[in-house]
């Protein structure tokens, strides 16, 4: 698996092509892009934050109420 990763890593361009990046920014979104981005943000940001907060509340509960 590491050989595949090394080959893929070597194919990544080292310098940013600003013209291509600007062209990608100007392309319109497809219909399903917005729900997909919202779902990805919920899964990658909000869900871990909620889990960490629940863990902290659980620890505080155990500290102050007792086992």
C-alpha atoms as a PDB file:
ATOM      1  CA  UNK A   1       0.000   0.000   0.000  1.00  0.00           C
ATOM      2  CA  UNK A   2       2.835   2.402   0.717  1.00  0.00           C
ATOM      3  CA  UNK A   3       4.147   2.101  -2.859  1.00  0.00           C
ATOM      4  CA  UNK A   4       0.779   3.213  -4.186  1.00  0.00           C
ATOM      5  CA  UNK A   5       0.738   6.130  -1.772  1.00  0.00           C
ATOM      6  CA  UNK A   6       4.250   7.184  -2.788  1.00  0.00           C
ATOM      7  CA  UNK A   7       3.308   7.107  -6.470  1.00  0.00           C
ATOM      8  CA  UNK A   8       0.181   9.157  -5.805  1.00  0.00           C
ATOM      9  CA  UNK A   9       2.169  11.613  -3.671  1.00  0.00           C
ATOM     10  CA  UNK A  10       4.694  12.141  -6.470  1.00  0.00           C
ATOM     11  CA  UNK A  11       1.885  12.978  -8.929  1.00  0.00           C
ATOM     12  CA  UNK A  12       0.644  15.878  -6.782  1.00  0.00           C
ATOM     13  CA  UNK A  13       1.830  19.126  -8.357  1.00  0.00           C
ATOM     14  CA  UNK A  14       4.264  21.025  -6.160  1.00  0.00           C
ATOM     15  CA  UNK A  15       3.262  24.470  -7.422  1.00  0.00           C
ATOM     16  CA  UNK A  16      -0.274  25.839  -7.476  1.00  0.00           C
ATOM     17  CA  UNK A  17      -1.754  26.647 -10.887  1.00  0.00           C
ATOM     18  CA  UNK A  18      -3.602  29.859 -10.036  1.00  0.00           C
ATOM     19  CA  UNK A  19      -5.346  30.084 -13.421  1.00  0.00           C
ATOM     20  CA  UNK A  20      -6.841  26.625 -12.992  1.00  0.00           C
ATOM     21  CA  UNK A  21      -7.868  27.397  -9.405  1.00  0.00           C
ATOM     22  CA  UNK A  22      -9.621  30.598 -10.522  1.00  0.00           C
ATOM     23  CA  UNK A  23     -11.419  28.706 -13.282  1.00  0.00           C
ATOM     24  CA  UNK A  24     -12.626  26.099 -10.768  1.00  0.00           C
ATOM     25  CA  UNK A  25     -13.901  28.855  -8.446  1.00  0.00           C
ATOM     26  CA  UNK A  26     -16.010  30.346 -11.245  1.00  0.00           C
ATOM     27  CA  UNK A  27     -17.733  27.094 -12.245  1.00  0.00           C
ATOM     28  CA  UNK A  28     -21.370  26.940 -11.109  1.00  0.00           C
ATOM     29  CA  UNK A  29     -22.431  24.395  -8.505  1.00  0.00           C
ATOM     30  CA  UNK A  30     -24.505  21.394  -9.474  1.00  0.00           C
ATOM     31  CA  UNK A  31     -27.895  20.750  -7.872  1.00  0.00           C
ATOM     32  CA  UNK A  32     -26.592  18.105  -5.482  1.00  0.00           C
ATOM     33  CA  UNK A  33     -23.461  20.004  -4.440  1.00  0.00           C
ATOM     34  CA  UNK A  34     -25.041  22.116  -1.699  1.00  0.00           C
ATOM     35  CA  UNK A  35     -26.682  19.224   0.235  1.00  0.00           C
ATOM     36  CA  UNK A  36     -23.474  17.225  -0.091  1.00  0.00           C
ATOM     37  CA  UNK A  37     -21.398  20.092   1.307  1.00  0.00           C
ATOM     38  CA  UNK A  38     -23.821  20.609   4.192  1.00  0.00           C
ATOM     39  CA  UNK A  39     -23.787  16.911   5.058  1.00  0.00           C
ATOM     40  CA  UNK A  40     -19.992  16.830   4.905  1.00  0.00           C
ATOM     41  CA  UNK A  41     -19.745  19.834   7.215  1.00  0.00           C
ATOM     42  CA  UNK A  42     -22.122  18.261   9.733  1.00  0.00           C
ATOM     43  CA  UNK A  43     -20.208  14.993   9.737  1.00  0.00           C
ATOM     44  CA  UNK A  44     -16.731  16.535   9.867  1.00  0.00           C
ATOM     45  CA  UNK A  45     -17.298  19.534  12.166  1.00  0.00           C
ATOM     46  CA  UNK A  46     -20.505  19.524  14.188  1.00  0.00           C
ATOM     47  CA  UNK A  47     -20.668  15.835  15.063  1.00  0.00           C
ATOM     48  CA  UNK A  48     -17.164  15.686  16.611  1.00  0.00           C
ATOM     49  CA  UNK A  49     -17.814  18.927  18.521  1.00  0.00           C
ATOM     50  CA  UNK A  50     -21.029  17.495  19.972  1.00  0.00           C
ATOM     51  CA  UNK A  51     -19.240  14.273  20.922  1.00  0.00           C
ATOM     52  CA  UNK A  52     -16.448  16.185  22.692  1.00  0.00           C
ATOM     53  CA  UNK A  53     -18.985  18.321  24.566  1.00  0.00           C
ATOM     54  CA  UNK A  54     -20.898  15.205  25.648  1.00  0.00           C
ATOM     55  CA  UNK A  55     -17.643  13.656  26.845  1.00  0.00           C
ATOM     56  CA  UNK A  56     -16.803  16.755  28.885  1.00  0.00           C
ATOM     57  CA  UNK A  57     -20.294  16.862  30.390  1.00  0.00           C
ATOM     58  CA  UNK A  58     -19.995  13.181  31.274  1.00  0.00           C
ATOM     59  CA  UNK A  59     -16.641  13.717  32.977  1.00  0.00           C
ATOM     60  CA  UNK A  60     -17.988  16.707  34.918  1.00  0.00           C
ATOM     61  CA  UNK A  61     -21.016  14.687  35.965  1.00  0.00           C
ATOM     62  CA  UNK A  62     -18.828  11.848  37.241  1.00  0.00           C
ATOM     63  CA  UNK A  63     -16.545  14.275  39.094  1.00  0.00           C
ATOM     64  CA  UNK A  64     -19.266  16.218  40.881  1.00  0.00           C
ATOM     65  CA  UNK A  65     -21.955  13.572  41.390  1.00  0.00           C
ATOM     66  CA  UNK A  66     -19.687  10.622  41.924  1.00  0.00           C
ATOM     67  CA  UNK A  67     -19.675   7.109  40.614  1.00  0.00           C
END
